C-alpha atoms as a PDB file:
ATOM      1  CA  MET A   1     -49.733   6.418  -6.681  1.00  0.00           C
ATOM      2  CA  ILE A   2     -50.539   7.026  -2.984  1.00  0.00           C
ATOM      3  CA  PHE A   3     -47.889   7.499  -0.351  1.00  0.00           C
ATOM      4  CA  LYS A   4     -47.830   7.998   3.398  1.00  0.00           C
ATOM      5  CA  GLN A   5     -44.992  10.386   3.257  1.00  0.00           C
ATOM      6  CA  TYR A   6     -44.615  13.684   1.296  1.00  0.00           C
ATOM      7  CA  GLY A   7     -40.935  12.945   0.775  1.00  0.00           C
ATOM      8  CA  ASP A   8     -41.597   9.772  -1.089  1.00  0.00           C
ATOM      9  CA  ALA A   9     -44.167  11.475  -3.277  1.00  0.00           C
ATOM     10  CA  ARG A  10     -41.784  14.267  -3.983  1.00  0.00           C
ATOM     11  CA  ASN A  11     -38.751  11.957  -4.744  1.00  0.00           C
ATOM     12  CA  LEU A  12     -40.909  10.049  -7.190  1.00  0.00           C
ATOM     13  CA  GLN A  13     -42.056  13.246  -8.908  1.00  0.00           C
ATOM     14  CA  LYS A  14     -38.423  14.327  -9.308  1.00  0.00           C
ATOM     15  CA  PHE A  15     -37.433  11.064 -10.907  1.00  0.00           C
ATOM     16  CA  LEU A  16     -40.502  11.190 -13.155  1.00  0.00           C
ATOM     17  CA  GLU A  17     -39.685  14.846 -14.202  1.00  0.00           C
ATOM     18  CA  LYS A  18     -36.251  13.780 -15.251  1.00  0.00           C
ATOM     19  CA  GLU A  19     -38.044  11.409 -17.694  1.00  0.00           C
ATOM     20  CA  SER A  20     -40.079  14.254 -18.923  1.00  0.00           C
ATOM     21  CA  CYS A  21     -43.321  12.716 -17.384  1.00  0.00           C
ATOM     22  CA  GLY A  22     -46.247  14.904 -16.355  1.00  0.00           C
ATOM     23  CA  THR A  23     -47.095  14.638 -12.709  1.00  0.00           C
ATOM     24  CA  LEU A  24     -49.078  16.287  -9.936  1.00  0.00           C
ATOM     25  CA  VAL A  25     -48.704  15.819  -6.214  1.00  0.00           C
ATOM     26  CA  HIS A  26     -51.624  16.651  -3.887  1.00  0.00           C
ATOM     27  CA  GLU A  27     -52.587  15.976  -0.371  1.00  0.00           C
ATOM     28  CA  THR A  28     -55.550  13.928   0.691  1.00  0.00           C
ATOM     29  CA  LEU A  29     -57.084  12.496   3.862  1.00  0.00           C
ATOM     30  CA  PHE A  30     -57.456   8.670   4.178  1.00  0.00           C
ATOM     31  CA  GLN A  31     -58.636   7.071   7.356  1.00  0.00           C
ATOM     32  CA  ASN A  32     -58.122  10.396   9.106  1.00  0.00           C
ATOM     33  CA  GLN A  33     -54.456  10.454   8.134  1.00  0.00           C
ATOM     34  CA  LYS A  34     -52.645  12.669   5.482  1.00  0.00           C
ATOM     35  CA  HIS A  35     -51.684  10.944   2.384  1.00  0.00           C
ATOM     36  CA  TYR A  36     -49.991  12.192  -0.729  1.00  0.00           C
ATOM     37  CA  ILE A  37     -51.100  11.160  -4.281  1.00  0.00           C
ATOM     38  CA  VAL A  38     -48.824  11.362  -7.275  1.00  0.00           C
ATOM     39  CA  SER A  39     -50.926  11.548 -10.308  1.00  0.00           C
ATOM     40  CA  ILE A  40     -49.169  10.250 -13.441  1.00  0.00           C
ATOM     41  CA  LYS A  41     -50.309  10.582 -17.130  1.00  0.00           C
ATOM     42  CA  LYS A  42     -49.229   7.164 -18.143  1.00  0.00           C
ATOM     43  CA  GLN A  43     -50.589   7.476 -21.600  1.00  0.00           C
ATOM     44  CA  GLU A  44     -47.941  10.081 -22.469  1.00  0.00           C
ATOM     45  CA  ASN A  45     -44.679   8.343 -21.814  1.00  0.00           C
ATOM     46  CA  LYS A  46     -45.091   4.699 -20.480  1.00  0.00           C
ATOM     47  CA  GLN A  47     -41.369   3.903 -20.806  1.00  0.00           C
ATOM     48  CA  GLY A  48     -40.369   7.162 -18.973  1.00  0.00           C
ATOM     49  CA  ILE A  49     -42.693   6.263 -16.082  1.00  0.00           C
ATOM     50  CA  LEU A  50     -41.156   2.719 -15.957  1.00  0.00           C
ATOM     51  CA  ASP A  51     -37.695   4.159 -15.731  1.00  0.00           C
ATOM     52  CA  GLY A  52     -38.525   6.824 -13.265  1.00  0.00           C
ATOM     53  CA  LEU A  53     -40.336   4.335 -10.945  1.00  0.00           C
ATOM     54  CA  TYR A  54     -37.421   1.867 -11.403  1.00  0.00           C
ATOM     55  CA  ARG A  55     -34.729   4.373 -10.243  1.00  0.00           C
ATOM     56  CA  PHE A  56     -36.864   5.742  -7.450  1.00  0.00           C
ATOM     57  CA  ILE A  57     -37.131   2.205  -5.989  1.00  0.00           C
ATOM     58  CA  MET A  58     -33.638   0.993  -6.847  1.00  0.00           C
ATOM     59  CA  ASN A  59     -31.905   4.379  -5.927  1.00  0.00           C
ATOM     60  CA  ILE A  60     -33.841   5.650  -2.959  1.00  0.00           C
ATOM     61  CA  LYS A  61     -36.308   3.119  -1.508  1.00  0.00           C
ATOM     62  CA  ARG A  62     -33.806   0.242  -1.179  1.00  0.00           C
ATOM     63  CA  LEU A  63     -31.423   2.166   0.985  1.00  0.00           C
ATOM     64  CA  GLU A  64     -34.389   3.492   3.153  1.00  0.00           C
ATOM     65  CA  TRP A  65     -35.467  -0.117   3.604  1.00  0.00           C
ATOM     66  CA  ALA A  66     -32.009  -1.059   4.631  1.00  0.00           C
ATOM     67  CA  ALA A  67     -31.979   1.810   7.226  1.00  0.00           C
ATOM     68  CA  TYR A  68     -35.093   0.598   8.657  1.00  0.00           C
ATOM     69  CA  ILE A  69     -34.136  -3.159   8.589  1.00  0.00           C
ATOM     70  CA  LEU A  70     -30.841  -2.035  10.439  1.00  0.00           C
ATOM     71  CA  SER A  71     -32.509   0.034  13.044  1.00  0.00           C
ATOM     72  CA  GLU A  72     -35.650  -2.111  13.655  1.00  0.00           C
ATOM     73  CA  TYR A  73     -34.558  -5.751  12.926  1.00  0.00           C
ATOM     74  CA  TYR A  74     -31.039  -5.606  14.078  1.00  0.00           C
ATOM     75  CA  LEU A  75     -31.293  -2.678  16.588  1.00  0.00           C
ATOM     76  CA  TYR A  76     -28.445  -0.566  15.502  1.00  0.00           C
ATOM     77  CA  LYS A  77     -29.263   2.712  16.820  1.00  0.00           C
ATOM     78  CA  ASP A  78     -25.999   4.449  16.947  1.00  0.00           C
ATOM     79  CA  ALA A  79     -25.830   6.984  14.079  1.00  0.00           C
ATOM     80  CA  HIS A  80     -22.175   6.423  13.489  1.00  0.00           C
ATOM     81  CA  GLU A  81     -22.516   2.613  13.210  1.00  0.00           C
ATOM     82  CA  GLN A  82     -25.631   3.027  11.077  1.00  0.00           C
ATOM     83  CA  GLU A  83     -23.596   5.379   8.610  1.00  0.00           C
ATOM     84  CA  GLN A  84     -20.798   2.928   8.473  1.00  0.00           C
ATOM     85  CA  ILE A  85     -23.055  -0.087   7.701  1.00  0.00           C
ATOM     86  CA  LEU A  86     -25.410   1.767   5.179  1.00  0.00           C
ATOM     87  CA  THR A  87     -22.265   2.883   3.339  1.00  0.00           C
ATOM     88  CA  ILE A  88     -21.374  -0.765   2.795  1.00  0.00           C
ATOM     89  CA  VAL A  89     -24.925  -1.557   1.726  1.00  0.00           C
ATOM     90  CA  GLY A  90     -24.894   1.367  -0.683  1.00  0.00           C
ATOM     91  CA  GLU A  91     -21.614   0.086  -2.132  1.00  0.00           C
ATOM     92  CA  MET A  92     -23.071  -3.356  -2.616  1.00  0.00           C
ATOM     93  CA  LEU A  93     -26.247  -2.018  -4.284  1.00  0.00           C
ATOM     94  CA  SER A  94     -24.116   0.092  -6.731  1.00  0.00           C
ATOM     95  CA  GLY A  95     -21.870  -2.924  -7.645  1.00  0.00           C
ATOM     96  CA  GLU A  96     -18.740  -1.577  -5.862  1.00  0.00           C
ATOM     97  CA  ARG A  97     -18.502  -4.708  -3.483  1.00  0.00           C
ATOM     98  CA  ASP A  98     -18.513  -7.705  -5.672  1.00  0.00           C
ATOM     99  CA  GLU A  99     -16.768  -9.653  -3.025  1.00  0.00           C
ATOM    100  CA  LEU A 100     -19.803  -9.320  -0.837  1.00  0.00           C
ATOM    101  CA  THR A 101     -22.627  -9.443  -3.363  1.00  0.00           C
ATOM    102  CA  SER A 102     -21.163 -12.724  -4.832  1.00  0.00           C
ATOM    103  CA  LEU A 103     -21.884 -14.352  -1.430  1.00  0.00           C
ATOM    104  CA  LEU A 104     -25.653 -14.118  -2.196  1.00  0.00           C
ATOM    105  CA  ASN A 105     -27.632 -16.312  -4.436  1.00  0.00           C
ATOM    106  CA  GLU A 106     -27.813 -15.047  -7.967  1.00  0.00           C
ATOM    107  CA  TRP A 107     -31.067 -13.325  -8.708  1.00  0.00           C
ATOM    108  CA  ASN A 108     -32.040 -10.813 -11.255  1.00  0.00           C
ATOM    109  CA  GLU A 109     -33.371  -7.899  -9.230  1.00  0.00           C
ATOM    110  CA  GLY A 110     -33.798  -5.582 -12.105  1.00  0.00           C
ATOM    111  CA  GLU A 111     -35.852  -8.113 -14.106  1.00  0.00           C
ATOM    112  CA  PHE A 112     -38.007  -8.869 -11.125  1.00  0.00           C
ATOM    113  CA  LEU A 113     -38.740  -5.155 -10.549  1.00  0.00           C
ATOM    114  CA  HIS A 114     -39.333  -4.353 -14.131  1.00  0.00           C
ATOM    115  CA  GLY A 115     -41.840  -7.198 -14.547  1.00  0.00           C
ATOM    116  CA  ASN A 116     -43.910  -5.934 -11.498  1.00  0.00           C
ATOM    117  CA  LEU A 117     -43.803  -2.378 -12.679  1.00  0.00           C
ATOM    118  CA  GLU A 118     -44.952  -3.264 -16.075  1.00  0.00           C
ATOM    119  CA  SER A 119     -47.899  -5.145 -14.664  1.00  0.00           C
ATOM    120  CA  LEU A 120     -48.551  -2.282 -12.281  1.00  0.00           C
ATOM    121  CA  LEU A 121     -48.995   0.146 -15.149  1.00  0.00           C
ATOM    122  CA  GLU A 122     -51.552  -2.087 -16.744  1.00  0.00           C
ATOM    123  CA  SER A 123     -53.967  -1.395 -13.783  1.00  0.00           C
ATOM    124  CA  GLU A 124     -56.419   1.490 -13.903  1.00  0.00           C
ATOM    125  CA  GLU A 125     -56.838   1.450 -10.127  1.00  0.00           C
ATOM    126  CA  PRO A 126     -54.971   3.833  -7.663  1.00  0.00           C
ATOM    127  CA  VAL A 127     -51.904   2.105  -6.180  1.00  0.00           C
ATOM    128  CA  HIS A 128     -50.950   2.390  -2.555  1.00  0.00           C
ATOM    129  CA  PHE A 129     -47.040   2.204  -2.619  1.00  0.00           C
ATOM    130  CA  ASP A 130     -46.729   0.520   0.715  1.00  0.00           C
ATOM    131  CA  SER A 131     -49.098  -2.206  -0.299  1.00  0.00           C
ATOM    132  CA  PHE A 132     -47.398  -2.656  -3.586  1.00  0.00           C
ATOM    133  CA  VAL A 133     -44.078  -3.112  -1.851  1.00  0.00           C
ATOM    134  CA  LYS A 134     -45.512  -5.442   0.912  1.00  0.00           C
ATOM    135  CA  PHE A 135     -47.321  -7.798  -1.667  1.00  0.00           C
ATOM    136  CA  ARG A 136     -45.596  -7.357  -5.038  1.00  0.00           C
ATOM    137  CA  LEU A 137     -42.043  -6.508  -3.972  1.00  0.00           C
ATOM    138  CA  LYS A 138     -41.632  -8.656  -1.010  1.00  0.00           C
ATOM    139  CA  ALA A 139     -38.931 -10.704  -2.676  1.00  0.00           C
ATOM    140  CA  LEU A 140     -36.894  -7.457  -3.376  1.00  0.00           C
ATOM    141  CA  TYR A 141     -37.439  -6.302   0.239  1.00  0.00           C
ATOM    142  CA  GLU A 142     -36.351  -9.548   1.638  1.00  0.00           C
ATOM    143  CA  ARG A 143     -33.277  -9.438  -0.670  1.00  0.00           C
ATOM    144  CA  THR A 144     -32.428  -6.119   1.020  1.00  0.00           C
ATOM    145  CA  VAL A 145     -32.442  -7.857   4.536  1.00  0.00           C
ATOM    146  CA  LEU A 146     -29.683 -10.157   2.985  1.00  0.00           C
ATOM    147  CA  TYR A 147     -27.718  -7.139   1.837  1.00  0.00           C
ATOM    148  CA  VAL A 148     -27.909  -5.669   5.396  1.00  0.00           C
ATOM    149  CA  GLU A 149     -26.769  -8.993   6.992  1.00  0.00           C
ATOM    150  CA  LYS A 150     -23.729  -9.147   4.709  1.00  0.00           C
ATOM    151  CA  ALA A 151     -22.913  -5.478   5.445  1.00  0.00           C
ATOM    152  CA  ILE A 152     -23.134  -6.059   9.233  1.00  0.00           C
ATOM    153  CA  ASP A 153     -20.855  -8.951   8.993  1.00  0.00           C
ATOM    154  CA  GLU A 154     -18.437  -6.973   6.891  1.00  0.00           C
ATOM    155  CA  TYR A 155     -18.540  -3.974   9.309  1.00  0.00           C
ATOM    156  CA  LYS A 156     -17.713  -6.290  12.266  1.00  0.00           C
ATOM    157  CA  LEU A 157     -14.746  -7.586  10.219  1.00  0.00           C
ATOM    158  CA  GLU A 158     -13.503  -4.038   9.406  1.00  0.00           C
ATOM    159  CA  GLN A 159     -13.954  -3.145  13.117  1.00  0.00           C
ATOM    160  CA  ASP A 160     -11.878  -6.091  14.152  1.00  0.00           C
ATOM    161  CA  TYR A 161      -9.252  -5.314  11.420  1.00  0.00           C
ATOM    162  CA  GLN A 162      -9.056  -1.576  12.699  1.00  0.00           C
ATOM    163  CA  MET A 163      -8.584  -2.858  16.314  1.00  0.00           C
ATOM    164  CA  PHE A 164      -5.905  -5.303  14.993  1.00  0.00           C
ATOM    165  CA  VAL A 165      -4.118  -2.353  13.292  1.00  0.00           C
ATOM    166  CA  GLN A 166      -4.267   0.043  16.177  1.00  0.00           C
ATOM    167  CA  MET A 167      -3.046  -2.618  18.507  1.00  0.00           C
ATOM    168  CA  LEU A 168      -0.025  -3.265  16.334  1.00  0.00           C
ATOM    169  CA  ARG A 169       0.641   0.501  16.020  1.00  0.00           C
ATOM    170  CA  ASP A 170       0.667   0.676  19.754  1.00  0.00           C
ATOM    171  CA  TYR A 171       3.147  -2.169  19.852  1.00  0.00           C
ATOM    172  CA  LEU A 172       5.271  -0.445  17.219  1.00  0.00           C
ATOM    173  CA  ALA A 173       5.210   2.887  19.168  1.00  0.00           C
ATOM    174  CA  SER A 174       6.443   1.049  22.364  1.00  0.00           C
ATOM    175  CA  LYS A 175       9.560  -0.247  20.606  1.00  0.00           C
ATOM    176  CA  SER A 176      12.913   1.491  20.002  1.00  0.00           C
ATOM    177  CA  ASP A 177      13.921   1.590  16.336  1.00  0.00           C
ATOM    178  CA  GLN A 178      16.257  -1.329  15.647  1.00  0.00           C
ATOM    179  CA  GLN A 179      16.626  -1.056  11.822  1.00  0.00           C
ATOM    180  CA  GLU A 180      17.121   2.058   9.756  1.00  0.00           C
ATOM    181  CA  THR A 181      15.669   0.681   6.532  1.00  0.00           C
ATOM    182  CA  ILE A 182      14.149  -2.401   5.323  1.00  0.00           C
ATOM    183  CA  HIS A 183      13.490  -2.983   1.520  1.00  0.00           C
ATOM    184  CA  LEU A 184      10.499  -5.390   0.646  1.00  0.00           C
ATOM    185  CA  TYR A 185      10.559  -6.689  -2.983  1.00  0.00           C
ATOM    186  CA  PHE A 186       7.154  -8.055  -4.189  1.00  0.00           C
ATOM    187  CA  SER A 187       6.862 -10.009  -7.555  1.00  0.00           C
ATOM    188  CA  ASN A 188       4.261 -12.383  -8.591  1.00  0.00           C
ATOM    189  CA  CYS A 189       3.075 -12.780  -5.071  1.00  0.00           C
ATOM    190  CA  ASP A 190       6.597 -13.554  -3.840  1.00  0.00           C
ATOM    191  CA  LEU A 191       8.063 -11.332  -1.178  1.00  0.00           C
ATOM    192  CA  LEU A 192      11.808 -10.870  -0.419  1.00  0.00           C
ATOM    193  CA  PHE A 193      13.348  -8.917   2.441  1.00  0.00           C
ATOM    194  CA  PHE A 194      16.602  -6.975   2.268  1.00  0.00           C
ATOM    195  CA  ASN A 195      18.351  -5.021   5.071  1.00  0.00           C
ATOM    196  CA  ALA A 196      19.653  -1.436   4.864  1.00  0.00           C
ATOM    197  CA  GLU A 197      22.815  -2.663   2.933  1.00  0.00           C
ATOM    198  CA  LEU A 198      20.539  -4.414   0.369  1.00  0.00           C
ATOM    199  CA  LYS A 199      21.591  -7.943   1.599  1.00  0.00           C
ATOM    200  CA  GLU A 200      18.796 -10.444   1.327  1.00  0.00           C
ATOM    201  CA  MET A 201      17.439 -11.689   4.661  1.00  0.00           C
ATOM    202  CA  LYS A 202      16.545 -15.354   4.361  1.00  0.00           C
ATOM    203  CA  ARG A 203      13.482 -16.971   6.078  1.00  0.00           C
ATOM    204  CA  THR A 204      15.591 -18.411   8.890  1.00  0.00           C
ATOM    205  CA  GLU A 205      17.107 -14.951   9.664  1.00  0.00           C
ATOM    206  CA  LEU A 206      13.626 -13.446   9.658  1.00  0.00           C
ATOM    207  CA  LEU A 207      12.135 -16.078  12.064  1.00  0.00           C
ATOM    208  CA  SER A 208      15.064 -15.532  14.388  1.00  0.00           C
ATOM    209  CA  VAL A 209      14.379 -11.824  14.863  1.00  0.00           C
ATOM    210  CA  VAL A 210      10.585 -12.292  15.581  1.00  0.00           C
ATOM    211  CA  ASP A 211       9.363 -11.336  18.947  1.00  0.00           C
ATOM    212  CA  LYS A 212       7.546 -14.525  19.972  1.00  0.00           C
ATOM    213  CA  ARG A 213       5.005 -12.570  22.066  1.00  0.00           C
ATOM    214  CA  LEU A 214       3.455 -11.503  18.692  1.00  0.00           C
ATOM    215  CA  LEU A 215       2.810 -14.978  17.620  1.00  0.00           C
ATOM    216  CA  THR A 216       1.629 -16.100  21.098  1.00  0.00           C
ATOM    217  CA  ASN A 217      -0.730 -13.221  21.818  1.00  0.00           C
ATOM    218  CA  HIS A 218      -2.095 -12.632  18.410  1.00  0.00           C
ATOM    219  CA  PRO A 219      -1.615 -15.909  16.270  1.00  0.00           C
ATOM    220  CA  VAL A 220      -4.691 -15.397  14.088  1.00  0.00           C
ATOM    221  CA  TYR A 221      -3.917 -11.987  12.941  1.00  0.00           C
ATOM    222  CA  VAL A 222       0.009 -11.741  12.636  1.00  0.00           C
ATOM    223  CA  ASP A 223       1.737 -13.198   9.725  1.00  0.00           C
ATOM    224  CA  SER A 224       4.881 -14.800  10.884  1.00  0.00           C
ATOM    225  CA  TYR A 225       6.691 -14.350   7.678  1.00  0.00           C
ATOM    226  CA  THR A 226       5.986 -10.627   6.906  1.00  0.00           C
ATOM    227  CA  ILE A 227       4.056  -8.534   9.717  1.00  0.00           C
ATOM    228  CA  ALA A 228       5.862 -10.063  12.561  1.00  0.00           C
ATOM    229  CA  PRO A 229       9.356  -9.710  11.336  1.00  0.00           C
ATOM    230  CA  LEU A 230       8.682  -6.110  10.345  1.00  0.00           C
ATOM    231  CA  LEU A 231       7.185  -5.268  13.732  1.00  0.00           C
ATOM    232  CA  SER A 232      10.048  -7.002  15.598  1.00  0.00           C
ATOM    233  CA  MET A 233      12.745  -5.004  13.573  1.00  0.00           C
ATOM    234  CA  ALA A 234      10.613  -1.780  13.702  1.00  0.00           C
ATOM    235  CA  PRO A 235      12.327  -0.025  10.892  1.00  0.00           C
ATOM    236  CA  LYS A 236      12.289   3.818  10.484  1.00  0.00           C
ATOM    237  CA  LEU A 237      11.733   3.389   6.753  1.00  0.00           C
ATOM    238  CA  ILE A 238      10.213   0.492   4.660  1.00  0.00           C
ATOM    239  CA  ASN A 239      10.735   0.659   0.911  1.00  0.00           C
ATOM    240  CA  VAL A 240       8.127  -1.440  -0.817  1.00  0.00           C
ATOM    241  CA  TYR A 241       8.894  -2.358  -4.577  1.00  0.00           C
ATOM    242  CA  CYS A 242       5.841  -3.617  -6.198  1.00  0.00           C
ATOM    243  CA  THR A 243       3.549  -3.622  -9.371  1.00  0.00           C
ATOM    244  CA  GLU A 244       0.383  -3.890  -7.310  1.00  0.00           C
ATOM    245  CA  PRO A 245       0.139  -1.416  -4.306  1.00  0.00           C
ATOM    246  CA  GLU A 246      -3.505  -2.393  -3.738  1.00  0.00           C
ATOM    247  CA  LEU A 247      -2.535  -6.009  -2.594  1.00  0.00           C
ATOM    248  CA  LYS A 248      -4.099  -6.599   0.743  1.00  0.00           C
ATOM    249  CA  LEU A 249      -0.712  -7.341   2.508  1.00  0.00           C
ATOM    250  CA  ILE A 250       0.856  -4.211   1.204  1.00  0.00           C
ATOM    251  CA  ARG A 251      -2.142  -2.051   2.443  1.00  0.00           C
ATOM    252  CA  THR A 252      -1.908  -3.678   5.791  1.00  0.00           C
ATOM    253  CA  ILE A 253       1.729  -2.779   5.988  1.00  0.00           C
ATOM    254  CA  GLN A 254       0.883   0.816   5.056  1.00  0.00           C
ATOM    255  CA  ASN A 255      -1.900   0.868   7.638  1.00  0.00           C
ATOM    256  CA  ILE A 256       0.429  -0.343  10.426  1.00  0.00           C
ATOM    257  CA  PHE A 257       3.556   1.558   9.644  1.00  0.00           C
ATOM    258  CA  GLU A 258       1.891   4.573   7.996  1.00  0.00           C
ATOM    259  CA  GLU A 259       4.465   7.393   7.164  1.00  0.00           C
ATOM    260  CA  ARG A 260       7.351   4.948   7.467  1.00  0.00           C
ATOM    261  CA  VAL A 261       6.160   3.117   4.301  1.00  0.00           C
ATOM    262  CA  ARG A 262       7.332   4.394   0.772  1.00  0.00           C
ATOM    263  CA  ILE A 263       5.805   2.577  -2.224  1.00  0.00           C
ATOM    264  CA  LEU A 264       8.098   2.310  -5.378  1.00  0.00           C
ATOM    265  CA  PRO A 265       7.969   0.527  -8.706  1.00  0.00           C
ATOM    266  CA  LEU A 266       9.959  -2.633  -9.251  1.00  0.00           C
ATOM    267  CA  SER A 267      12.173  -0.792 -11.746  1.00  0.00           C
ATOM    268  CA  SER A 268      13.421   1.382  -8.746  1.00  0.00           C
ATOM    269  CA  PHE A 269      15.088  -1.522  -7.048  1.00  0.00           C
ATOM    270  CA  PRO A 270      18.867  -1.206  -7.507  1.00  0.00           C
ATOM    271  CA  GLU A 271      20.014  -2.986 -10.572  1.00  0.00           C
ATOM    272  CA  THR A 272      23.182  -4.217  -8.867  1.00  0.00           C
ATOM    273  CA  VAL A 273      21.048  -6.509  -6.798  1.00  0.00           C
ATOM    274  CA  GLN A 274      19.513  -9.412  -8.368  1.00  0.00           C
ATOM    275  CA  PRO A 275      16.556 -10.796  -6.269  1.00  0.00           C
ATOM    276  CA  ASP A 276      16.600 -14.519  -5.923  1.00  0.00           C
ATOM    277  CA  ILE A 277      12.946 -15.122  -6.795  1.00  0.00           C
ATOM    278  CA  PRO A 278      13.047 -19.029  -6.455  1.00  0.00           C
ATOM    279  CA  ASP A 279      13.997 -18.664  -2.826  1.00  0.00           C
ATOM    280  CA  ALA A 280      11.372 -15.931  -2.190  1.00  0.00           C
ATOM    281  CA  VAL A 281       9.346 -15.925   0.938  1.00  0.00           C
ATOM    282  CA  ASN A 282       5.743 -16.629  -0.138  1.00  0.00           C
ATOM    283  CA  GLU A 283       3.213 -14.036   0.730  1.00  0.00           C
END
């Protein structure tokens, strides 16, 4: 297998060595340019060669393709932005961002790559890796473009979210504390507010304390039933009682109010107070 870059040849060799496949890497000149040949004894361990090639492409090359696509197709040149977006791509490729990969059309990438690698090993001719990618793996490369597009969209959303959170932190910092403690009781996606004396605050009361500028200036971002009342009351301490601290709303509250938030189990809510769940404010 012929490569233009020594790094590619060496990386493939490492993957094949992990599969106990015998290889040699040597340099050659082709059209007056240096190329690097990985010689593989395919008769010894065909399955190991398939597995090594598969992991090399899936674990190394796809991220390299993504970096090239991001820089040359979408002109993201800033190193920090590239790192942030490629991190998202990597998480998608490793299966950690199902909410993003589920937006793509279903397609069995592994089956496609395995099929092409198996037919590759049937050939007796030297294989130029770049040509193999261009002609045989074109669909996988184009699939990587879709990953990058989704990652860019997600990056932009995350940037907007961070700006939103910082904006609300700035608003909070400009206010004098009005409440000592607010208790938030989450149960089955219902949310109840209690003041420092553990007296429930009904929806009408919550709406009455809301700073209307929050809803006027940021109507898309600010939840009038949760975030807006909390910001308007600007409590020094927020006790959050819940069973699922990873809920998006709870995480947003933590991001805005930071050290003011304390996460507690539902069992920590005072037994003397019985939350009126049917009248709960819906998240």
